[in-house]
Amino acid sequence: MINGSQGQVQRNEMERNAYNLAFHELNFSWHWDSNTYDRLLRQSACPAERIHHYIETTQPHLLRAYDGDFLVTLIEGQKAAMSSGRG
């Protein structure tokens, strides 16, 4: 039987992989490794805030061309589409 912490680790890995797939499908050359995703999880429990933080700290040039909320919506939408098989 999987204990709570092992189950959470598995869910986090599935989530991280879903984000990486969404990045790939959007042609973003981003990849969240386990350490990056762990840091983002400690930053905020809110997925949108994690993405905002990542963009602000590692891809700030994008914010000159795109609204941060637009990018978050784009990424979350692609991730949802991939998860539901629509991507």
PDB file of N, CA and C in Angstrom:
ATOM      1  N   MET A   1       0.830  -1.180   0.000  1.00  0.00           N
ATOM      2  CA  MET A   1       0.000   0.000   0.000  1.00  0.00           C
ATOM      3  C   MET A   1       0.878   1.249   0.000  1.00  0.00           C
ATOM      4  N   ILE A   2       0.470   2.234  -0.767  1.00  0.00           N
ATOM      5  CA  ILE A   2       1.222   3.478  -0.864  1.00  0.00           C
ATOM      6  C   ILE A   2       0.811   4.396   0.275  1.00  0.00           C
ATOM      7  N   ASN A   3       1.807   4.893   1.005  1.00  0.00           N
ATOM      8  CA  ASN A   3       1.448   5.828   2.068  1.00  0.00           C
ATOM      9  C   ASN A   3       1.205   7.213   1.470  1.00  0.00           C
ATOM     10  N   GLY A   4       0.715   8.113   2.284  1.00  0.00           N
ATOM     11  CA  GLY A   4       0.347   9.446   1.819  1.00  0.00           C
ATOM     12  C   GLY A   4       1.477  10.188   1.142  1.00  0.00           C
ATOM     13  N   SER A   5       2.672  10.140   1.713  1.00  0.00           N
ATOM     14  CA  SER A   5       3.776  10.896   1.120  1.00  0.00           C
ATOM     15  C   SER A   5       4.211  10.292  -0.212  1.00  0.00           C
ATOM     16  N   GLN A   6       4.222   8.986  -0.325  1.00  0.00           N
ATOM     17  CA  GLN A   6       4.564   8.354  -1.604  1.00  0.00           C
ATOM     18  C   GLN A   6       3.505   8.668  -2.650  1.00  0.00           C
ATOM     19  N   GLY A   7       2.265   8.640  -2.237  1.00  0.00           N
ATOM     20  CA  GLY A   7       1.177   8.971  -3.150  1.00  0.00           C
ATOM     21  C   GLY A   7       1.277  10.409  -3.630  1.00  0.00           C
ATOM     22  N   GLN A   8       1.638  11.314  -2.727  1.00  0.00           N
ATOM     23  CA  GLN A   8       1.785  12.726  -3.108  1.00  0.00           C
ATOM     24  C   GLN A   8       2.950  12.895  -4.068  1.00  0.00           C
ATOM     25  N   VAL A   9       4.032  12.194  -3.829  1.00  0.00           N
ATOM     26  CA  VAL A   9       5.188  12.260  -4.727  1.00  0.00           C
ATOM     27  C   VAL A   9       4.783  11.798  -6.125  1.00  0.00           C
ATOM     28  N   GLN A  10       4.023  10.723  -6.198  1.00  0.00           N
ATOM     29  CA  GLN A  10       3.565  10.228  -7.501  1.00  0.00           C
ATOM     30  C   GLN A  10       2.652  11.242  -8.186  1.00  0.00           C
ATOM     31  N   ARG A  11       1.748  11.840  -7.436  1.00  0.00           N
ATOM     32  CA  ARG A  11       0.858  12.861  -8.015  1.00  0.00           C
ATOM     33  C   ARG A  11       1.664  14.065  -8.504  1.00  0.00           C
ATOM     34  N   ASN A  12       2.650  14.481  -7.720  1.00  0.00           N
ATOM     35  CA  ASN A  12       3.498  15.597  -8.127  1.00  0.00           C
ATOM     36  C   ASN A  12       4.258  15.269  -9.411  1.00  0.00           C
ATOM     37  N   GLU A  13       4.767  14.060  -9.512  1.00  0.00           N
ATOM     38  CA  GLU A  13       5.488  13.653 -10.728  1.00  0.00           C
ATOM     39  C   GLU A  13       4.569  13.623 -11.935  1.00  0.00           C
ATOM     40  N   MET A  14       3.358  13.140 -11.755  1.00  0.00           N
ATOM     41  CA  MET A  14       2.389  13.126 -12.852  1.00  0.00           C
ATOM     42  C   MET A  14       2.062  14.557 -13.278  1.00  0.00           C
ATOM     43  N   GLU A  15       1.883  15.421 -12.319  1.00  0.00           N
ATOM     44  CA  GLU A  15       1.587  16.827 -12.602  1.00  0.00           C
ATOM     45  C   GLU A  15       2.759  17.498 -13.313  1.00  0.00           C
ATOM     46  N   ARG A  16       3.951  17.258 -12.829  1.00  0.00           N
ATOM     47  CA  ARG A  16       5.148  17.838 -13.444  1.00  0.00           C
ATOM     48  C   ARG A  16       5.286  17.366 -14.885  1.00  0.00           C
ATOM     49  N   ASN A  17       5.082  16.087 -15.112  1.00  0.00           N
ATOM     50  CA  ASN A  17       5.168  15.548 -16.469  1.00  0.00           C
ATOM     51  C   ASN A  17       4.084  16.127 -17.375  1.00  0.00           C
ATOM     52  N   ALA A  18       2.905  16.371 -16.825  1.00  0.00           N
ATOM     53  CA  ALA A  18       1.825  16.985 -17.608  1.00  0.00           C
ATOM     54  C   ALA A  18       2.207  18.409 -18.012  1.00  0.00           C
ATOM     55  N   TYR A  19       2.818  19.146 -17.109  1.00  0.00           N
ATOM     56  CA  TYR A  19       3.290  20.490 -17.465  1.00  0.00           C
ATOM     57  C   TYR A  19       4.353  20.412 -18.547  1.00  0.00           C
ATOM     58  N   ASN A  20       5.303  19.498 -18.405  1.00  0.00           N
ATOM     59  CA  ASN A  20       6.354  19.386 -19.410  1.00  0.00           C
ATOM     60  C   ASN A  20       5.788  19.023 -20.778  1.00  0.00           C
ATOM     61  N   LEU A  21       4.781  18.184 -20.807  1.00  0.00           N
ATOM     62  CA  LEU A  21       4.133  17.848 -22.070  1.00  0.00           C
ATOM     63  C   LEU A  21       3.432  19.074 -22.653  1.00  0.00           C
ATOM     64  N   ALA A  22       2.763  19.836 -21.814  1.00  0.00           N
ATOM     65  CA  ALA A  22       2.106  21.061 -22.277  1.00  0.00           C
ATOM     66  C   ALA A  22       3.139  22.044 -22.834  1.00  0.00           C
ATOM     67  N   PHE A  23       4.264  22.205 -22.139  1.00  0.00           N
ATOM     68  CA  PHE A  23       5.321  23.091 -22.640  1.00  0.00           C
ATOM     69  C   PHE A  23       5.784  22.633 -24.021  1.00  0.00           C
ATOM     70  N   HIS A  24       5.988  21.344 -24.167  1.00  0.00           N
ATOM     71  CA  HIS A  24       6.440  20.790 -25.449  1.00  0.00           C
ATOM     72  C   HIS A  24       5.412  21.081 -26.546  1.00  0.00           C
ATOM     73  N   GLU A  25       4.158  20.832 -26.261  1.00  0.00           N
ATOM     74  CA  GLU A  25       3.101  21.046 -27.255  1.00  0.00           C
ATOM     75  C   GLU A  25       2.970  22.523 -27.631  1.00  0.00           C
ATOM     76  N   LEU A  26       3.292  23.411 -26.714  1.00  0.00           N
ATOM     77  CA  LEU A  26       3.243  24.851 -26.984  1.00  0.00           C
ATOM     78  C   LEU A  26       4.542  25.369 -27.594  1.00  0.00           C
ATOM     79  N   ASN A  27       5.477  24.470 -27.831  1.00  0.00           N
ATOM     80  CA  ASN A  27       6.798  24.822 -28.386  1.00  0.00           C
ATOM     81  C   ASN A  27       7.601  25.736 -27.471  1.00  0.00           C
ATOM     82  N   PHE A  28       7.381  25.597 -26.160  1.00  0.00           N
ATOM     83  CA  PHE A  28       8.221  26.278 -25.179  1.00  0.00           C
ATOM     84  C   PHE A  28       9.396  25.354 -24.892  1.00  0.00           C
ATOM     85  N   SER A  29      10.575  25.888 -24.859  1.00  0.00           N
ATOM     86  CA  SER A  29      11.749  25.054 -24.569  1.00  0.00           C
ATOM     87  C   SER A  29      12.008  25.001 -23.066  1.00  0.00           C
ATOM     88  N   TRP A  30      10.945  24.787 -22.322  1.00  0.00           N
ATOM     89  CA  TRP A  30      11.031  24.702 -20.868  1.00  0.00           C
ATOM     90  C   TRP A  30      10.948  23.239 -20.458  1.00  0.00           C
ATOM     91  N   HIS A  31      11.615  22.945 -19.377  1.00  0.00           N
ATOM     92  CA  HIS A  31      11.494  21.614 -18.775  1.00  0.00           C
ATOM     93  C   HIS A  31      11.648  21.776 -17.275  1.00  0.00           C
ATOM     94  N   TRP A  32      10.613  21.337 -16.559  1.00  0.00           N
ATOM     95  CA  TRP A  32      10.688  21.381 -15.110  1.00  0.00           C
ATOM     96  C   TRP A  32      11.203  20.036 -14.616  1.00  0.00           C
ATOM     97  N   ASP A  33      12.435  20.025 -14.097  1.00  0.00           N
ATOM     98  CA  ASP A  33      12.931  18.811 -13.463  1.00  0.00           C
ATOM     99  C   ASP A  33      12.340  18.732 -12.054  1.00  0.00           C
ATOM    100  N   SER A  34      12.624  17.657 -11.372  1.00  0.00           N
ATOM    101  CA  SER A  34      12.041  17.455 -10.036  1.00  0.00           C
ATOM    102  C   SER A  34      12.419  18.570  -9.074  1.00  0.00           C
ATOM    103  N   ASN A  35      13.668  19.001  -9.107  1.00  0.00           N
ATOM    104  CA  ASN A  35      14.104  20.058  -8.193  1.00  0.00           C
ATOM    105  C   ASN A  35      13.379  21.373  -8.471  1.00  0.00           C
ATOM    106  N   THR A  36      13.240  21.715  -9.745  1.00  0.00           N
ATOM    107  CA  THR A  36      12.527  22.942 -10.109  1.00  0.00           C
ATOM    108  C   THR A  36      11.085  22.874  -9.622  1.00  0.00           C
ATOM    109  N   TYR A  37      10.425  21.747  -9.895  1.00  0.00           N
ATOM    110  CA  TYR A  37       9.017  21.625  -9.504  1.00  0.00           C
ATOM    111  C   TYR A  37       8.859  21.645  -7.983  1.00  0.00           C
ATOM    112  N   ASP A  38       9.774  21.010  -7.274  1.00  0.00           N
ATOM    113  CA  ASP A  38       9.732  21.043  -5.807  1.00  0.00           C
ATOM    114  C   ASP A  38       9.848  22.478  -5.290  1.00  0.00           C
ATOM    115  N   ARG A  39      10.750  23.271  -5.896  1.00  0.00           N
ATOM    116  CA  ARG A  39      10.891  24.681  -5.493  1.00  0.00           C
ATOM    117  C   ARG A  39       9.602  25.445  -5.771  1.00  0.00           C
ATOM    118  N   LEU A  40       8.985  25.180  -6.917  1.00  0.00           N
ATOM    119  CA  LEU A  40       7.739  25.868  -7.254  1.00  0.00           C
ATOM    120  C   LEU A  40       6.615  25.471  -6.305  1.00  0.00           C
ATOM    121  N   LEU A  41       6.583  24.201  -5.918  1.00  0.00           N
ATOM    122  CA  LEU A  41       5.566  23.749  -4.963  1.00  0.00           C
ATOM    123  C   LEU A  41       5.726  24.444  -3.610  1.00  0.00           C
ATOM    124  N   ARG A  42       6.973  24.660  -3.215  1.00  0.00           N
ATOM    125  CA  ARG A  42       7.216  25.374  -1.949  1.00  0.00           C
ATOM    126  C   ARG A  42       6.864  26.859  -2.079  1.00  0.00           C
ATOM    127  N   GLN A  43       6.942  27.384  -3.290  1.00  0.00           N
ATOM    128  CA  GLN A  43       6.635  28.794  -3.540  1.00  0.00           C
ATOM    129  C   GLN A  43       5.151  29.082  -3.315  1.00  0.00           C
ATOM    130  N   SER A  44       4.289  28.178  -3.823  1.00  0.00           N
ATOM    131  CA  SER A  44       2.852  28.415  -3.722  1.00  0.00           C
ATOM    132  C   SER A  44       2.084  27.121  -3.930  1.00  0.00           C
ATOM    133  N   ALA A  45       0.941  27.025  -3.277  1.00  0.00           N
ATOM    134  CA  ALA A  45       0.049  25.885  -3.494  1.00  0.00           C
ATOM    135  C   ALA A  45      -0.813  26.094  -4.737  1.00  0.00           C
ATOM    136  N   CYS A  46      -0.850  27.310  -5.238  1.00  0.00           N
ATOM    137  CA  CYS A  46      -1.690  27.667  -6.385  1.00  0.00           C
ATOM    138  C   CYS A  46      -0.925  27.463  -7.696  1.00  0.00           C
ATOM    139  N   PRO A  47      -1.432  26.616  -8.591  1.00  0.00           N
ATOM    140  CA  PRO A  47      -0.733  26.381  -9.863  1.00  0.00           C
ATOM    141  C   PRO A  47      -0.476  27.666 -10.653  1.00  0.00           C
ATOM    142  N   ALA A  48      -1.443  28.559 -10.715  1.00  0.00           N
ATOM    143  CA  ALA A  48      -1.265  29.800 -11.477  1.00  0.00           C
ATOM    144  C   ALA A  48      -0.131  30.640 -10.893  1.00  0.00           C
ATOM    145  N   GLU A  49      -0.056  30.707  -9.574  1.00  0.00           N
ATOM    146  CA  GLU A  49       1.021  31.467  -8.933  1.00  0.00           C
ATOM    147  C   GLU A  49       2.380  30.837  -9.199  1.00  0.00           C
ATOM    148  N   ARG A  50       2.431  29.506  -9.225  1.00  0.00           N
ATOM    149  CA  ARG A  50       3.695  28.825  -9.531  1.00  0.00           C
ATOM    150  C   ARG A  50       4.158  29.165 -10.944  1.00  0.00           C
ATOM    151  N   ILE A  51       3.237  29.126 -11.900  1.00  0.00           N
ATOM    152  CA  ILE A  51       3.601  29.436 -13.286  1.00  0.00           C
ATOM    153  C   ILE A  51       4.039  30.894 -13.397  1.00  0.00           C
ATOM    154  N   HIS A  52       3.277  31.799 -12.788  1.00  0.00           N
ATOM    155  CA  HIS A  52       3.660  33.217 -12.783  1.00  0.00           C
ATOM    156  C   HIS A  52       5.074  33.386 -12.223  1.00  0.00           C
ATOM    157  N   HIS A  53       5.332  32.755 -11.103  1.00  0.00           N
ATOM    158  CA  HIS A  53       6.645  32.875 -10.477  1.00  0.00           C
ATOM    159  C   HIS A  53       7.741  32.369 -11.413  1.00  0.00           C
ATOM    160  N   TYR A  54       7.509  31.231 -12.026  1.00  0.00           N
ATOM    161  CA  TYR A  54       8.503  30.670 -12.953  1.00  0.00           C
ATOM    162  C   TYR A  54       8.768  31.644 -14.101  1.00  0.00           C
ATOM    163  N   ILE A  55       7.714  32.162 -14.694  1.00  0.00           N
ATOM    164  CA  ILE A  55       7.882  33.095 -15.813  1.00  0.00           C
ATOM    165  C   ILE A  55       8.619  34.352 -15.357  1.00  0.00           C
ATOM    166  N   GLU A  56       8.212  34.901 -14.236  1.00  0.00           N
ATOM    167  CA  GLU A  56       8.838  36.127 -13.738  1.00  0.00           C
ATOM    168  C   GLU A  56      10.321  35.947 -13.427  1.00  0.00           C
ATOM    169  N   THR A  57      10.698  34.764 -12.955  1.00  0.00           N
ATOM    170  CA  THR A  57      12.081  34.562 -12.531  1.00  0.00           C
ATOM    171  C   THR A  57      12.977  33.940 -13.598  1.00  0.00           C
ATOM    172  N   THR A  58      12.403  33.235 -14.575  1.00  0.00           N
ATOM    173  CA  THR A  58      13.256  32.571 -15.563  1.00  0.00           C
ATOM    174  C   THR A  58      12.968  32.962 -17.009  1.00  0.00           C
ATOM    175  N   GLN A  59      11.801  33.551 -17.255  1.00  0.00           N
ATOM    176  CA  GLN A  59      11.415  33.920 -18.617  1.00  0.00           C
ATOM    177  C   GLN A  59      10.840  35.339 -18.658  1.00  0.00           C
ATOM    178  N   PRO A  60      11.432  36.288 -17.948  1.00  0.00           N
ATOM    179  CA  PRO A  60      10.805  37.610 -17.838  1.00  0.00           C
ATOM    180  C   PRO A  60      10.652  38.334 -19.178  1.00  0.00           C
ATOM    181  N   HIS A  61      11.477  37.990 -20.152  1.00  0.00           N
ATOM    182  CA  HIS A  61      11.368  38.627 -21.467  1.00  0.00           C
ATOM    183  C   HIS A  61       9.991  38.395 -22.099  1.00  0.00           C
ATOM    184  N   LEU A  62       9.355  37.268 -21.759  1.00  0.00           N
ATOM    185  CA  LEU A  62       8.030  36.986 -22.314  1.00  0.00           C
ATOM    186  C   LEU A  62       6.981  37.983 -21.841  1.00  0.00           C
ATOM    187  N   LEU A  63       7.210  38.549 -20.668  1.00  0.00           N
ATOM    188  CA  LEU A  63       6.235  39.488 -20.108  1.00  0.00           C
ATOM    189  C   LEU A  63       6.259  40.840 -20.815  1.00  0.00           C
ATOM    190  N   ARG A  64       7.264  41.053 -21.671  1.00  0.00           N
ATOM    191  CA  ARG A  64       7.272  42.264 -22.494  1.00  0.00           C
ATOM    192  C   ARG A  64       6.336  42.117 -23.686  1.00  0.00           C
ATOM    193  N   ALA A  65       6.068  40.881 -24.077  1.00  0.00           N
ATOM    194  CA  ALA A  65       5.222  40.629 -25.242  1.00  0.00           C
ATOM    195  C   ALA A  65       3.852  40.061 -24.876  1.00  0.00           C
ATOM    196  N   TYR A  66       3.770  39.365 -23.756  1.00  0.00           N
ATOM    197  CA  TYR A  66       2.537  38.679 -23.373  1.00  0.00           C
ATOM    198  C   TYR A  66       2.151  39.023 -21.948  1.00  0.00           C
ATOM    199  N   ASP A  67       0.872  39.069 -21.720  1.00  0.00           N
ATOM    200  CA  ASP A  67       0.351  39.231 -20.373  1.00  0.00           C
ATOM    201  C   ASP A  67       0.584  37.929 -19.594  1.00  0.00           C
ATOM    202  N   GLY A  68       1.013  38.044 -18.354  1.00  0.00           N
ATOM    203  CA  GLY A  68       1.272  36.863 -17.538  1.00  0.00           C
ATOM    204  C   GLY A  68       0.056  35.973 -17.379  1.00  0.00           C
ATOM    205  N   ASP A  69      -1.117  36.568 -17.176  1.00  0.00           N
ATOM    206  CA  ASP A  69      -2.337  35.772 -17.042  1.00  0.00           C
ATOM    207  C   ASP A  69      -2.659  35.019 -18.321  1.00  0.00           C
ATOM    208  N   PHE A  70      -2.376  35.639 -19.476  1.00  0.00           N
ATOM    209  CA  PHE A  70      -2.582  34.950 -20.751  1.00  0.00           C
ATOM    210  C   PHE A  70      -1.708  33.705 -20.833  1.00  0.00           C
ATOM    211  N   LEU A  71      -0.440  33.835 -20.458  1.00  0.00           N
ATOM    212  CA  LEU A  71       0.470  32.688 -20.509  1.00  0.00           C
ATOM    213  C   LEU A  71       0.027  31.581 -19.566  1.00  0.00           C
ATOM    214  N   VAL A  72      -0.391  31.959 -18.368  1.00  0.00           N
ATOM    215  CA  VAL A  72      -0.874  30.962 -17.407  1.00  0.00           C
ATOM    216  C   VAL A  72      -2.080  30.231 -17.980  1.00  0.00           C
ATOM    217  N   THR A  73      -3.035  30.981 -18.532  1.00  0.00           N
ATOM    218  CA  THR A  73      -4.235  30.375 -19.110  1.00  0.00           C
ATOM    219  C   THR A  73      -3.880  29.458 -20.275  1.00  0.00           C
ATOM    220  N   LEU A  74      -2.952  29.892 -21.099  1.00  0.00           N
ATOM    221  CA  LEU A  74      -2.505  29.091 -22.234  1.00  0.00           C
ATOM    222  C   LEU A  74      -1.899  27.762 -21.766  1.00  0.00           C
ATOM    223  N   ILE A  75      -1.017  27.834 -20.801  1.00  0.00           N
ATOM    224  CA  ILE A  75      -0.342  26.632 -20.291  1.00  0.00           C
ATOM    225  C   ILE A  75      -1.336  25.714 -19.594  1.00  0.00           C
ATOM    226  N   GLU A  76      -2.144  26.270 -18.715  1.00  0.00           N
ATOM    227  CA  GLU A  76      -3.124  25.444 -17.998  1.00  0.00           C
ATOM    228  C   GLU A  76      -4.137  24.832 -18.967  1.00  0.00           C
ATOM    229  N   GLY A  77      -4.535  25.580 -19.989  1.00  0.00           N
ATOM    230  CA  GLY A  77      -5.468  25.052 -20.992  1.00  0.00           C
ATOM    231  C   GLY A  77      -4.863  23.912 -21.775  1.00  0.00           C
ATOM    232  N   GLN A  78      -3.609  24.051 -22.169  1.00  0.00           N
ATOM    233  CA  GLN A  78      -2.931  22.985 -22.911  1.00  0.00           C
ATOM    234  C   GLN A  78      -2.756  21.747 -22.026  1.00  0.00           C
ATOM    235  N   LYS A  79      -2.397  21.967 -20.791  1.00  0.00           N
ATOM    236  CA  LYS A  79      -2.232  20.847 -19.846  1.00  0.00           C
ATOM    237  C   LYS A  79      -3.561  20.110 -19.679  1.00  0.00           C
ATOM    238  N   ALA A  80      -4.645  20.852 -19.536  1.00  0.00           N
ATOM    239  CA  ALA A  80      -5.964  20.230 -19.388  1.00  0.00           C
ATOM    240  C   ALA A  80      -6.361  19.480 -20.653  1.00  0.00           C
ATOM    241  N   ALA A  81      -6.080  20.067 -21.805  1.00  0.00           N
ATOM    242  CA  ALA A  81      -6.409  19.410 -23.071  1.00  0.00           C
ATOM    243  C   ALA A  81      -5.629  18.108 -23.231  1.00  0.00           C
ATOM    244  N   MET A  82      -4.365  18.138 -22.846  1.00  0.00           N
ATOM    245  CA  MET A  82      -3.545  16.927 -22.953  1.00  0.00           C
ATOM    246  C   MET A  82      -4.047  15.864 -21.981  1.00  0.00           C
ATOM    247  N   SER A  83      -4.452  16.288 -20.802  1.00  0.00           N
ATOM    248  CA  SER A  83      -4.935  15.341 -19.789  1.00  0.00           C
ATOM    249  C   SER A  83      -6.242  14.700 -20.203  1.00  0.00           C
ATOM    250  N   SER A  84      -7.062  15.455 -20.946  1.00  0.00           N
ATOM    251  CA  SER A  84      -8.363  14.909 -21.355  1.00  0.00           C
ATOM    252  C   SER A  84      -8.308  14.223 -22.718  1.00  0.00           C
ATOM    253  N   GLY A  85      -7.116  14.237 -23.333  1.00  0.00           N
ATOM    254  CA  GLY A  85      -6.969  13.586 -24.628  1.00  0.00           C
ATOM    255  C   GLY A  85      -7.347  14.456 -25.809  1.00  0.00           C
ATOM    256  N   ARG A  86      -7.597  15.746 -25.566  1.00  0.00           N
ATOM    257  CA  ARG A  86      -7.976  16.653 -26.662  1.00  0.00           C
ATOM    258  C   ARG A  86      -6.769  17.312 -27.304  1.00  0.00           C
ATOM    259  N   GLY A  87      -5.589  17.210 -26.671  1.00  0.00           N
ATOM    260  CA  GLY A  87      -4.413  17.943 -27.157  1.00  0.00           C
ATOM    261  C   GLY A  87      -3.832  17.346 -28.308  1.00  0.00           C
TER     262      GLY A  87
END
